[in-house]
C-alpha atoms as a PDB file:
ATOM      1  CA  UNK A   1      62.555 -95.986 -44.965  1.00  0.00           C
ATOM      2  CA  UNK A   2      61.452 -97.274 -41.593  1.00  0.00           C
ATOM      3  CA  UNK A   3      64.534 -99.262 -40.594  1.00  0.00           C
ATOM      4  CA  UNK A   4      65.302-102.946 -40.900  1.00  0.00           C
ATOM      5  CA  UNK A   5      62.855-105.781 -40.249  1.00  0.00           C
ATOM      6  CA  UNK A   6      63.052-109.562 -40.347  1.00  0.00           C
ATOM      7  CA  UNK A   7      60.624-112.488 -40.205  1.00  0.00           C
ATOM      8  CA  UNK A   8      61.141-116.254 -40.164  1.00  0.00           C
ATOM      9  CA  UNK A   9      58.730-119.166 -40.444  1.00  0.00           C
ATOM     10  CA  UNK A  10      58.833-122.901 -39.834  1.00  0.00           C
ATOM     11  CA  UNK A  11      55.653-123.902 -41.617  1.00  0.00           C
ATOM     12  CA  UNK A  12      51.895-123.336 -41.619  1.00  0.00           C
ATOM     13  CA  UNK A  13      49.271-125.883 -40.595  1.00  0.00           C
ATOM     14  CA  UNK A  14      49.946-127.302 -37.137  1.00  0.00           C
ATOM     15  CA  UNK A  15      48.208-130.061 -35.207  1.00  0.00           C
ATOM     16  CA  UNK A  16      46.426-128.479 -32.208  1.00  0.00           C
ATOM     17  CA  UNK A  17      47.625-131.420 -30.108  1.00  0.00           C
ATOM     18  CA  UNK A  18      51.280-130.753 -30.833  1.00  0.00           C
ATOM     19  CA  UNK A  19      53.107-131.643 -27.589  1.00  0.00           C
ATOM     20  CA  UNK A  20      54.148-128.662 -25.466  1.00  0.00           C
ATOM     21  CA  UNK A  21      57.805-129.653 -25.623  1.00  0.00           C
ATOM     22  CA  UNK A  22      57.692-129.602 -29.431  1.00  0.00           C
ATOM     23  CA  UNK A  23      56.133-126.147 -29.348  1.00  0.00           C
ATOM     24  CA  UNK A  24      58.844-124.898 -27.011  1.00  0.00           C
ATOM     25  CA  UNK A  25      61.605-126.384 -29.176  1.00  0.00           C
ATOM     26  CA  UNK A  26      60.152-124.626 -32.198  1.00  0.00           C
ATOM     27  CA  UNK A  27      59.957-121.285 -30.410  1.00  0.00           C
ATOM     28  CA  UNK A  28      63.540-121.604 -29.203  1.00  0.00           C
ATOM     29  CA  UNK A  29      64.794-122.326 -32.722  1.00  0.00           C
ATOM     30  CA  UNK A  30      62.847-119.427 -34.217  1.00  0.00           C
ATOM     31  CA  UNK A  31      64.166-117.115 -31.492  1.00  0.00           C
ATOM     32  CA  UNK A  32      67.729-118.240 -32.109  1.00  0.00           C
ATOM     33  CA  UNK A  33      67.390-117.612 -35.830  1.00  0.00           C
ATOM     34  CA  UNK A  34      65.800-114.216 -35.290  1.00  0.00           C
ATOM     35  CA  UNK A  35      68.629-113.185 -32.988  1.00  0.00           C
ATOM     36  CA  UNK A  36      71.168-114.379 -35.557  1.00  0.00           C
ATOM     37  CA  UNK A  37      69.544-112.150 -38.162  1.00  0.00           C
ATOM     38  CA  UNK A  38      69.211-109.201 -35.783  1.00  0.00           C
ATOM     39  CA  UNK A  39      72.925-109.248 -34.960  1.00  0.00           C
ATOM     40  CA  UNK A  40      73.751-109.311 -38.677  1.00  0.00           C
ATOM     41  CA  UNK A  41      71.356-106.460 -39.498  1.00  0.00           C
ATOM     42  CA  UNK A  42      72.786-104.343 -36.683  1.00  0.00           C
ATOM     43  CA  UNK A  43      76.177-104.905 -38.321  1.00  0.00           C
ATOM     44  CA  UNK A  44      74.821-103.574 -41.635  1.00  0.00           C
ATOM     45  CA  UNK A  45      74.838-106.949 -43.388  1.00  0.00           C
ATOM     46  CA  UNK A  46      72.742-106.826 -46.567  1.00  0.00           C
ATOM     47  CA  UNK A  47      69.235-108.263 -46.686  1.00  0.00           C
ATOM     48  CA  UNK A  48      70.138-111.057 -49.129  1.00  0.00           C
ATOM     49  CA  UNK A  49      73.076-112.156 -46.960  1.00  0.00           C
ATOM     50  CA  UNK A  50      70.905-112.230 -43.839  1.00  0.00           C
ATOM     51  CA  UNK A  51      68.265-114.352 -45.577  1.00  0.00           C
ATOM     52  CA  UNK A  52      70.875-116.927 -46.574  1.00  0.00           C
ATOM     53  CA  UNK A  53      72.489-116.880 -43.132  1.00  0.00           C
ATOM     54  CA  UNK A  54      69.229-117.494 -41.273  1.00  0.00           C
ATOM     55  CA  UNK A  55      67.942-120.215 -43.593  1.00  0.00           C
ATOM     56  CA  UNK A  56      71.264-122.058 -43.380  1.00  0.00           C
ATOM     57  CA  UNK A  57      70.725-122.194 -39.621  1.00  0.00           C
ATOM     58  CA  UNK A  58      67.207-123.546 -40.094  1.00  0.00           C
ATOM     59  CA  UNK A  59      68.444-126.152 -42.583  1.00  0.00           C
ATOM     60  CA  UNK A  60      71.116-127.363 -40.180  1.00  0.00           C
ATOM     61  CA  UNK A  61      68.704-127.976 -37.308  1.00  0.00           C
ATOM     62  CA  UNK A  62      66.564-131.132 -37.816  1.00  0.00           C
ATOM     63  CA  UNK A  63      63.442-129.721 -36.121  1.00  0.00           C
ATOM     64  CA  UNK A  64      61.765-128.305 -39.238  1.00  0.00           C
ATOM     65  CA  UNK A  65      61.321-129.762 -42.711  1.00  0.00           C
ATOM     66  CA  UNK A  66      64.404-128.480 -44.573  1.00  0.00           C
ATOM     67  CA  UNK A  67      67.990-129.634 -44.910  1.00  0.00           C
ATOM     68  CA  UNK A  68      68.686-132.168 -42.170  1.00  0.00           C
ATOM     69  CA  UNK A  69      65.289-133.459 -41.043  1.00  0.00           C
ATOM     70  CA  UNK A  70      63.641-133.102 -44.458  1.00  0.00           C
ATOM     71  CA  UNK A  71      60.544-135.116 -45.253  1.00  0.00           C
ATOM     72  CA  UNK A  72      61.153-138.429 -47.015  1.00  0.00           C
ATOM     73  CA  UNK A  73      60.037-139.482 -50.467  1.00  0.00           C
ATOM     74  CA  UNK A  74      58.054-142.635 -51.148  1.00  0.00           C
ATOM     75  CA  UNK A  75      61.395-144.433 -51.484  1.00  0.00           C
ATOM     76  CA  UNK A  76      62.745-143.199 -48.147  1.00  0.00           C
ATOM     77  CA  UNK A  77      65.212-140.708 -49.614  1.00  0.00           C
ATOM     78  CA  UNK A  78      65.403-136.924 -49.409  1.00  0.00           C
ATOM     79  CA  UNK A  79      64.844-134.547 -52.343  1.00  0.00           C
ATOM     80  CA  UNK A  80      65.162-130.922 -51.232  1.00  0.00           C
ATOM     81  CA  UNK A  81      64.409-127.619 -52.907  1.00  0.00           C
ATOM     82  CA  UNK A  82      65.058-123.957 -52.193  1.00  0.00           C
ATOM     83  CA  UNK A  83      64.936-120.494 -53.703  1.00  0.00           C
ATOM     84  CA  UNK A  84      66.249-117.040 -52.893  1.00  0.00           C
ATOM     85  CA  UNK A  85      65.529-113.618 -54.368  1.00  0.00           C
ATOM     86  CA  UNK A  86      67.091-110.172 -54.107  1.00  0.00           C
ATOM     87  CA  UNK A  87      64.418-107.533 -54.603  1.00  0.00           C
ATOM     88  CA  UNK A  88      66.782-104.724 -55.615  1.00  0.00           C
ATOM     89  CA  UNK A  89      67.102-105.962 -59.195  1.00  0.00           C
ATOM     90  CA  UNK A  90      64.772-108.970 -58.910  1.00  0.00           C
ATOM     91  CA  UNK A  91      67.691-111.358 -59.164  1.00  0.00           C
ATOM     92  CA  UNK A  92      66.889-114.929 -58.147  1.00  0.00           C
ATOM     93  CA  UNK A  93      68.163-118.487 -57.887  1.00  0.00           C
ATOM     94  CA  UNK A  94      66.414-121.792 -57.251  1.00  0.00           C
ATOM     95  CA  UNK A  95      67.175-125.509 -56.997  1.00  0.00           C
ATOM     96  CA  UNK A  96      65.147-128.748 -56.852  1.00  0.00           C
ATOM     97  CA  UNK A  97      65.853-132.443 -56.468  1.00  0.00           C
ATOM     98  CA  UNK A  98      68.829-131.832 -54.186  1.00  0.00           C
ATOM     99  CA  UNK A  99      70.085-134.995 -52.487  1.00  0.00           C
ATOM    100  CA  UNK A 100      73.627-134.304 -51.240  1.00  0.00           C
ATOM    101  CA  UNK A 101      74.068-130.535 -50.758  1.00  0.00           C
ATOM    102  CA  UNK A 102      74.152-129.732 -47.041  1.00  0.00           C
ATOM    103  CA  UNK A 103      72.590-126.283 -47.460  1.00  0.00           C
ATOM    104  CA  UNK A 104      70.288-126.013 -50.493  1.00  0.00           C
ATOM    105  CA  UNK A 105      69.660-122.299 -49.884  1.00  0.00           C
ATOM    106  CA  UNK A 106      73.334-121.558 -50.483  1.00  0.00           C
ATOM    107  CA  UNK A 107      73.255-123.525 -53.718  1.00  0.00           C
ATOM    108  CA  UNK A 108      70.254-121.454 -54.810  1.00  0.00           C
ATOM    109  CA  UNK A 109      72.290-118.335 -54.002  1.00  0.00           C
ATOM    110  CA  UNK A 110      75.141-119.637 -56.166  1.00  0.00           C
ATOM    111  CA  UNK A 111      72.751-120.274 -59.047  1.00  0.00           C
ATOM    112  CA  UNK A 112      71.788-116.613 -58.766  1.00  0.00           C
ATOM    113  CA  UNK A 113      75.325-115.279 -58.422  1.00  0.00           C
ATOM    114  CA  UNK A 114      77.507-117.722 -60.345  1.00  0.00           C
ATOM    115  CA  UNK A 115      75.418-119.132 -63.192  1.00  0.00           C
ATOM    116  CA  UNK A 116      73.679-117.670 -66.248  1.00  0.00           C
ATOM    117  CA  UNK A 117      70.443-119.331 -65.098  1.00  0.00           C
ATOM    118  CA  UNK A 118      67.775-118.860 -62.452  1.00  0.00           C
ATOM    119  CA  UNK A 119      66.824-122.476 -61.741  1.00  0.00           C
ATOM    120  CA  UNK A 120      68.742-125.773 -61.744  1.00  0.00           C
ATOM    121  CA  UNK A 121      67.367-129.169 -60.771  1.00  0.00           C
ATOM    122  CA  UNK A 122      68.319-132.780 -60.011  1.00  0.00           C
ATOM    123  CA  UNK A 123      71.603-134.006 -61.563  1.00  0.00           C
ATOM    124  CA  UNK A 124      72.352-130.659 -63.187  1.00  0.00           C
ATOM    125  CA  UNK A 125      72.049-128.866 -59.846  1.00  0.00           C
ATOM    126  CA  UNK A 126      74.189-131.513 -58.132  1.00  0.00           C
ATOM    127  CA  UNK A 127      76.887-131.219 -60.815  1.00  0.00           C
ATOM    128  CA  UNK A 128      76.869-127.436 -60.453  1.00  0.00           C
ATOM    129  CA  UNK A 129      77.206-127.791 -56.681  1.00  0.00           C
ATOM    130  CA  UNK A 130      80.330-129.905 -57.016  1.00  0.00           C
ATOM    131  CA  UNK A 131      81.889-127.465 -59.476  1.00  0.00           C
ATOM    132  CA  UNK A 132      81.218-124.653 -57.008  1.00  0.00           C
ATOM    133  CA  UNK A 133      82.836-126.557 -54.151  1.00  0.00           C
ATOM    134  CA  UNK A 134      79.863-126.476 -51.775  1.00  0.00           C
ATOM    135  CA  UNK A 135      79.738-128.858 -48.831  1.00  0.00           C
ATOM    136  CA  UNK A 136      78.488-132.293 -49.886  1.00  0.00           C
ATOM    137  CA  UNK A 137      77.173-135.012 -47.556  1.00  0.00           C
ATOM    138  CA  UNK A 138      75.613-138.456 -47.969  1.00  0.00           C
ATOM    139  CA  UNK A 139      71.833-138.527 -48.313  1.00  0.00           C
ATOM    140  CA  UNK A 140      71.693-140.401 -44.999  1.00  0.00           C
ATOM    141  CA  UNK A 141      72.802-137.182 -43.249  1.00  0.00           C
ATOM    142  CA  UNK A 142      69.376-135.652 -43.918  1.00  0.00           C
ATOM    143  CA  UNK A 143      67.379-138.692 -42.739  1.00  0.00           C
ATOM    144  CA  UNK A 144      66.307-138.762 -39.084  1.00  0.00           C
ATOM    145  CA  UNK A 145      64.934-141.672 -37.058  1.00  0.00           C
ATOM    146  CA  UNK A 146      61.703-139.738 -36.453  1.00  0.00           C
ATOM    147  CA  UNK A 147      61.104-139.363 -40.173  1.00  0.00           C
ATOM    148  CA  UNK A 148      61.858-143.019 -40.895  1.00  0.00           C
ATOM    149  CA  UNK A 149      59.214-143.975 -38.341  1.00  0.00           C
ATOM    150  CA  UNK A 150      56.687-141.518 -39.730  1.00  0.00           C
ATOM    151  CA  UNK A 151      57.222-142.731 -43.289  1.00  0.00           C
ATOM    152  CA  UNK A 152      56.697-146.319 -42.158  1.00  0.00           C
ATOM    153  CA  UNK A 153      53.446-145.347 -40.466  1.00  0.00           C
ATOM    154  CA  UNK A 154      52.351-143.426 -43.544  1.00  0.00           C
ATOM    155  CA  UNK A 155      52.976-146.377 -45.828  1.00  0.00           C
ATOM    156  CA  UNK A 156      51.224-148.816 -43.518  1.00  0.00           C
ATOM    157  CA  UNK A 157      48.181-146.573 -43.185  1.00  0.00           C
ATOM    158  CA  UNK A 158      48.230-145.408 -46.809  1.00  0.00           C
ATOM    159  CA  UNK A 159      45.215-143.193 -46.111  1.00  0.00           C
ATOM    160  CA  UNK A 160      45.958-141.177 -42.985  1.00  0.00           C
ATOM    161  CA  UNK A 161      46.228-137.399 -42.940  1.00  0.00           C
ATOM    162  CA  UNK A 162      48.494-136.099 -40.190  1.00  0.00           C
ATOM    163  CA  UNK A 163      51.335-133.785 -39.352  1.00  0.00           C
ATOM    164  CA  UNK A 164      54.306-136.096 -39.647  1.00  0.00           C
ATOM    165  CA  UNK A 165      56.043-134.445 -36.684  1.00  0.00           C
ATOM    166  CA  UNK A 166      53.421-135.750 -34.252  1.00  0.00           C
ATOM    167  CA  UNK A 167      54.502-138.943 -32.433  1.00  0.00           C
ATOM    168  CA  UNK A 168      52.722-142.062 -33.790  1.00  0.00           C
ATOM    169  CA  UNK A 169      50.579-142.531 -30.665  1.00  0.00           C
ATOM    170  CA  UNK A 170      49.083-139.102 -31.332  1.00  0.00           C
ATOM    171  CA  UNK A 171      47.929-139.905 -34.850  1.00  0.00           C
ATOM    172  CA  UNK A 172      44.236-140.444 -35.341  1.00  0.00           C
ATOM    173  CA  UNK A 173      43.416-140.676 -39.001  1.00  0.00           C
ATOM    174  CA  UNK A 174      40.583-140.665 -41.456  1.00  0.00           C
ATOM    175  CA  UNK A 175      40.388-142.210 -44.861  1.00  0.00           C
ATOM    176  CA  UNK A 176      41.984-140.209 -47.633  1.00  0.00           C
ATOM    177  CA  UNK A 177      38.591-139.758 -49.229  1.00  0.00           C
ATOM    178  CA  UNK A 178      37.539-137.889 -46.076  1.00  0.00           C
ATOM    179  CA  UNK A 179      40.649-135.699 -46.082  1.00  0.00           C
ATOM    180  CA  UNK A 180      39.885-131.981 -45.565  1.00  0.00           C
ATOM    181  CA  UNK A 181      42.972-131.053 -47.608  1.00  0.00           C
ATOM    182  CA  UNK A 182      43.160-131.622 -51.332  1.00  0.00           C
ATOM    183  CA  UNK A 183      45.783-130.970 -53.975  1.00  0.00           C
ATOM    184  CA  UNK A 184      44.652-130.465 -57.563  1.00  0.00           C
ATOM    185  CA  UNK A 185      41.220-131.728 -56.498  1.00  0.00           C
ATOM    186  CA  UNK A 186      42.513-134.975 -55.024  1.00  0.00           C
ATOM    187  CA  UNK A 187      42.623-135.795 -51.290  1.00  0.00           C
ATOM    188  CA  UNK A 188      46.172-136.216 -49.985  1.00  0.00           C
ATOM    189  CA  UNK A 189      47.119-138.799 -47.426  1.00  0.00           C
ATOM    190  CA  UNK A 190      50.285-137.266 -45.962  1.00  0.00           C
ATOM    191  CA  UNK A 191      50.818-133.549 -45.415  1.00  0.00           C
ATOM    192  CA  UNK A 192      54.069-132.076 -44.111  1.00  0.00           C
ATOM    193  CA  UNK A 193      53.807-128.285 -43.949  1.00  0.00           C
ATOM    194  CA  UNK A 194      56.951-127.355 -42.085  1.00  0.00           C
ATOM    195  CA  UNK A 195      58.817-125.526 -44.834  1.00  0.00           C
ATOM    196  CA  UNK A 196      61.195-122.803 -43.593  1.00  0.00           C
ATOM    197  CA  UNK A 197      61.620-119.271 -44.858  1.00  0.00           C
ATOM    198  CA  UNK A 198      63.054-115.850 -44.095  1.00  0.00           C
ATOM    199  CA  UNK A 199      62.312-112.347 -45.344  1.00  0.00           C
ATOM    200  CA  UNK A 200      64.410-109.266 -44.620  1.00  0.00           C
ATOM    201  CA  UNK A 201      64.484-105.567 -45.336  1.00  0.00           C
ATOM    202  CA  UNK A 202      67.794-104.007 -44.352  1.00  0.00           C
ATOM    203  CA  UNK A 203      68.628-100.495 -43.176  1.00  0.00           C
ATOM    204  CA  UNK A 204      68.903 -99.280 -46.755  1.00  0.00           C
ATOM    205  CA  UNK A 205      65.419-100.487 -47.657  1.00  0.00           C
ATOM    206  CA  UNK A 206      66.559-103.482 -49.704  1.00  0.00           C
ATOM    207  CA  UNK A 207      64.171-106.458 -49.548  1.00  0.00           C
ATOM    208  CA  UNK A 208      65.062-110.141 -49.928  1.00  0.00           C
ATOM    209  CA  UNK A 209      63.340-113.491 -49.412  1.00  0.00           C
ATOM    210  CA  UNK A 210      64.194-117.171 -49.318  1.00  0.00           C
ATOM    211  CA  UNK A 211      62.441-120.504 -48.786  1.00  0.00           C
ATOM    212  CA  UNK A 212      63.725-124.061 -48.260  1.00  0.00           C
ATOM    213  CA  UNK A 213      61.994-127.421 -47.813  1.00  0.00           C
ATOM    214  CA  UNK A 214      62.093-131.181 -48.035  1.00  0.00           C
ATOM    215  CA  UNK A 215      58.560-131.182 -49.410  1.00  0.00           C
ATOM    216  CA  UNK A 216      55.790-133.636 -48.537  1.00  0.00           C
ATOM    217  CA  UNK A 217      56.282-136.799 -46.509  1.00  0.00           C
ATOM    218  CA  UNK A 218      55.797-139.870 -48.739  1.00  0.00           C
ATOM    219  CA  UNK A 219      55.761-137.663 -51.847  1.00  0.00           C
ATOM    220  CA  UNK A 220      56.259-139.081 -55.322  1.00  0.00           C
ATOM    221  CA  UNK A 221      59.818-139.048 -56.607  1.00  0.00           C
ATOM    222  CA  UNK A 222      60.434-135.916 -58.651  1.00  0.00           C
ATOM    223  CA  UNK A 223      57.609-133.882 -57.101  1.00  0.00           C
ATOM    224  CA  UNK A 224      58.340-130.148 -57.104  1.00  0.00           C
ATOM    225  CA  UNK A 225      56.390-127.834 -54.812  1.00  0.00           C
ATOM    226  CA  UNK A 226      56.029-124.087 -54.483  1.00  0.00           C
ATOM    227  CA  UNK A 227      59.172-123.392 -52.461  1.00  0.00           C
ATOM    228  CA  UNK A 228      61.640-123.207 -55.383  1.00  0.00           C
ATOM    229  CA  UNK A 229      59.206-121.460 -57.713  1.00  0.00           C
ATOM    230  CA  UNK A 230      59.861-117.740 -57.941  1.00  0.00           C
ATOM    231  CA  UNK A 231      56.554-115.898 -57.660  1.00  0.00           C
ATOM    232  CA  UNK A 232      54.841-118.800 -55.909  1.00  0.00           C
ATOM    233  CA  UNK A 233      56.760-119.733 -52.755  1.00  0.00           C
ATOM    234  CA  UNK A 234      59.290-116.890 -52.874  1.00  0.00           C
ATOM    235  CA  UNK A 235      59.315-113.372 -54.256  1.00  0.00           C
ATOM    236  CA  UNK A 236      61.107-110.084 -53.637  1.00  0.00           C
ATOM    237  CA  UNK A 237      60.875-106.708 -55.340  1.00  0.00           C
ATOM    238  CA  UNK A 238      61.744-103.131 -54.522  1.00  0.00           C
ATOM    239  CA  UNK A 239      58.474-103.001 -52.560  1.00  0.00           C
ATOM    240  CA  UNK A 240      58.574-106.174 -50.466  1.00  0.00           C
ATOM    241  CA  UNK A 241      59.910-109.654 -49.772  1.00  0.00           C
ATOM    242  CA  UNK A 242      57.633-112.693 -49.289  1.00  0.00           C
ATOM    243  CA  UNK A 243      58.089-116.358 -48.302  1.00  0.00           C
ATOM    244  CA  UNK A 244      55.157-118.796 -48.336  1.00  0.00           C
ATOM    245  CA  UNK A 245      54.384-122.119 -46.677  1.00  0.00           C
ATOM    246  CA  UNK A 246      51.531-124.596 -46.650  1.00  0.00           C
ATOM    247  CA  UNK A 247      49.691-126.398 -49.438  1.00  0.00           C
ATOM    248  CA  UNK A 248      52.166-126.095 -52.278  1.00  0.00           C
ATOM    249  CA  UNK A 249      49.802-126.732 -55.140  1.00  0.00           C
ATOM    250  CA  UNK A 250      47.420-124.003 -53.936  1.00  0.00           C
ATOM    251  CA  UNK A 251      50.325-121.575 -53.539  1.00  0.00           C
ATOM    252  CA  UNK A 252      51.516-122.365 -57.061  1.00  0.00           C
ATOM    253  CA  UNK A 253      48.083-121.773 -58.597  1.00  0.00           C
ATOM    254  CA  UNK A 254      47.781-118.462 -56.751  1.00  0.00           C
ATOM    255  CA  UNK A 255      51.340-117.277 -57.477  1.00  0.00           C
ATOM    256  CA  UNK A 256      50.915-116.211 -53.880  1.00  0.00           C
ATOM    257  CA  UNK A 257      54.221-114.498 -53.118  1.00  0.00           C
ATOM    258  CA  UNK A 258      54.221-112.417 -56.288  1.00  0.00           C
ATOM    259  CA  UNK A 259      50.596-111.435 -55.759  1.00  0.00           C
ATOM    260  CA  UNK A 260      51.452-109.636 -52.512  1.00  0.00           C
ATOM    261  CA  UNK A 261      53.847-107.397 -54.414  1.00  0.00           C
ATOM    262  CA  UNK A 262      51.414-107.028 -57.321  1.00  0.00           C
ATOM    263  CA  UNK A 263      48.487-105.757 -55.269  1.00  0.00           C
ATOM    264  CA  UNK A 264      50.806-103.351 -53.472  1.00  0.00           C
ATOM    265  CA  UNK A 265      51.980-102.018 -56.831  1.00  0.00           C
ATOM    266  CA  UNK A 266      48.732-102.058 -58.807  1.00  0.00           C
ATOM    267  CA  UNK A 267      46.102-101.522 -56.100  1.00  0.00           C
ATOM    268  CA  UNK A 268      48.173 -99.241 -53.865  1.00  0.00           C
ATOM    269  CA  UNK A 269      47.681-101.432 -50.786  1.00  0.00           C
ATOM    270  CA  UNK A 270      50.051-101.320 -47.842  1.00  0.00           C
ATOM    271  CA  UNK A 271      51.771-104.527 -46.716  1.00  0.00           C
ATOM    272  CA  UNK A 272      49.149-105.583 -44.154  1.00  0.00           C
ATOM    273  CA  UNK A 273      46.319-104.940 -46.602  1.00  0.00           C
ATOM    274  CA  UNK A 274      48.119-106.837 -49.357  1.00  0.00           C
ATOM    275  CA  UNK A 275      48.776-109.893 -47.192  1.00  0.00           C
ATOM    276  CA  UNK A 276      45.184-109.936 -45.938  1.00  0.00           C
ATOM    277  CA  UNK A 277      43.900-109.636 -49.508  1.00  0.00           C
ATOM    278  CA  UNK A 278      45.860-112.518 -51.013  1.00  0.00           C
ATOM    279  CA  UNK A 279      45.242-114.850 -48.067  1.00  0.00           C
ATOM    280  CA  UNK A 280      41.489-114.193 -48.344  1.00  0.00           C
ATOM    281  CA  UNK A 281      41.044-114.057 -52.123  1.00  0.00           C
ATOM    282  CA  UNK A 282      43.792-116.100 -53.789  1.00  0.00           C
ATOM    283  CA  UNK A 283      43.918-119.471 -52.042  1.00  0.00           C
ATOM    284  CA  UNK A 284      40.486-120.782 -53.069  1.00  0.00           C
ATOM    285  CA  UNK A 285      40.061-123.773 -50.732  1.00  0.00           C
ATOM    286  CA  UNK A 286      43.792-124.146 -50.035  1.00  0.00           C
ATOM    287  CA  UNK A 287      45.533-123.633 -46.703  1.00  0.00           C
ATOM    288  CA  UNK A 288      48.725-121.604 -46.483  1.00  0.00           C
ATOM    289  CA  UNK A 289      50.606-118.837 -44.736  1.00  0.00           C
ATOM    290  CA  UNK A 290      53.291-116.313 -45.511  1.00  0.00           C
ATOM    291  CA  UNK A 291      55.700-113.844 -43.986  1.00  0.00           C
ATOM    292  CA  UNK A 292      56.446-110.488 -45.604  1.00  0.00           C
ATOM    293  CA  UNK A 293      58.456-107.296 -45.155  1.00  0.00           C
ATOM    294  CA  UNK A 294      58.191-103.982 -46.989  1.00  0.00           C
ATOM    295  CA  UNK A 295      60.792-101.402 -47.958  1.00  0.00           C
ATOM    296  CA  UNK A 296      59.253 -99.160 -45.287  1.00  0.00           C
ATOM    297  CA  UNK A 297      60.345-101.511 -42.520  1.00  0.00           C
ATOM    298  CA  UNK A 298      56.933-103.130 -42.030  1.00  0.00           C
ATOM    299  CA  UNK A 299      56.641-106.836 -41.197  1.00  0.00           C
ATOM    300  CA  UNK A 300      53.491-108.978 -41.504  1.00  0.00           C
ATOM    301  CA  UNK A 301      52.606-112.646 -40.981  1.00  0.00           C
ATOM    302  CA  UNK A 302      49.372-114.021 -42.409  1.00  0.00           C
ATOM    303  CA  UNK A 303      47.761-117.471 -42.654  1.00  0.00           C
ATOM    304  CA  UNK A 304      44.403-119.215 -43.009  1.00  0.00           C
ATOM    305  CA  UNK A 305      45.655-122.518 -41.600  1.00  0.00           C
ATOM    306  CA  UNK A 306      45.589-123.817 -38.049  1.00  0.00           C
ATOM    307  CA  UNK A 307      48.613-121.889 -36.814  1.00  0.00           C
ATOM    308  CA  UNK A 308      52.021-121.084 -38.281  1.00  0.00           C
ATOM    309  CA  UNK A 309      55.470-121.313 -36.709  1.00  0.00           C
ATOM    310  CA  UNK A 310      56.717-117.737 -37.040  1.00  0.00           C
ATOM    311  CA  UNK A 311      58.798-114.961 -35.567  1.00  0.00           C
ATOM    312  CA  UNK A 312      59.529-111.367 -36.474  1.00  0.00           C
ATOM    313  CA  UNK A 313      61.523-108.372 -35.266  1.00  0.00           C
ATOM    314  CA  UNK A 314      62.033-104.725 -36.219  1.00  0.00           C
ATOM    315  CA  UNK A 315      64.702-102.115 -35.657  1.00  0.00           C
ATOM    316  CA  UNK A 316      62.561-100.240 -33.119  1.00  0.00           C
ATOM    317  CA  UNK A 317      62.824-103.160 -30.671  1.00  0.00           C
ATOM    318  CA  UNK A 318      59.670-105.122 -31.449  1.00  0.00           C
ATOM    319  CA  UNK A 319      60.094-108.908 -31.387  1.00  0.00           C
ATOM    320  CA  UNK A 320      57.524-111.712 -31.408  1.00  0.00           C
ATOM    321  CA  UNK A 321      57.639-115.492 -31.698  1.00  0.00           C
ATOM    322  CA  UNK A 322      54.314-117.305 -32.014  1.00  0.00           C
ATOM    323  CA  UNK A 323      52.535-120.421 -33.263  1.00  0.00           C
ATOM    324  CA  UNK A 324      48.801-119.857 -32.943  1.00  0.00           C
ATOM    325  CA  UNK A 325      46.509-116.916 -33.778  1.00  0.00           C
END
């Protein structure tokens, strides 16, 4: 074992014209979350507990697309999803269609720990949340003024591709038929990549991973992406922990998170080699990124998109927060 390691992300695929103040806000949030996890790891908190702790912090801050500040559906509401996985025994929990639970990642953890199932969605997940006594809020809590404005612009344009966090005056669009990003072979008009995630290996070599998101801006009601799907957006094993972000449909088709662990196991690749391999060979024409840790204390971030909000740290004192290549 090489000691503990942690990585966090706030989404892959970033507009190169993102205002400097937005970039600085993102870096500050990632740094704060990294430090939160570092303190916990130094106190011998388990990997799965650190993952939940850090993602709760990300969900509470409205900057990224999870929890408060989640992307809005076509009807102007929020439907969130999350998953978490403990690599020690490959235990997992996931939720979708969450509309009132303040911290979806904690509900996913409860599905893992307190239910006979691995995945609950929509009304069933909400009912389970109330029985478990988790904190409930009105859907309006998750909706921000920025997102209301971006949804309005999206609906008016109906064919503009942009990062919904960019102020409206910075949006220059092209017709959907000219969109460089497609999902299931169809051009998409609104793309919101800022999912959040955390991966951790603790001092005992235990790996864990978690991912949380509001999904796509202006998405269809009931749409489920990669983030709650174990093996696609999130995966952890005895070898590694992985959290993905980016074009959900491409990540789902590639079972991207699981594939990192698979090529480590079956091809004998190390973590860096495995991440490089799946990013290059498994995404077809999709754009995505991921963060990963191994049971040896390695940490890797990889992406083929235009940047990824990310940060990582290791027990030997290394720490990095970055956006671009």
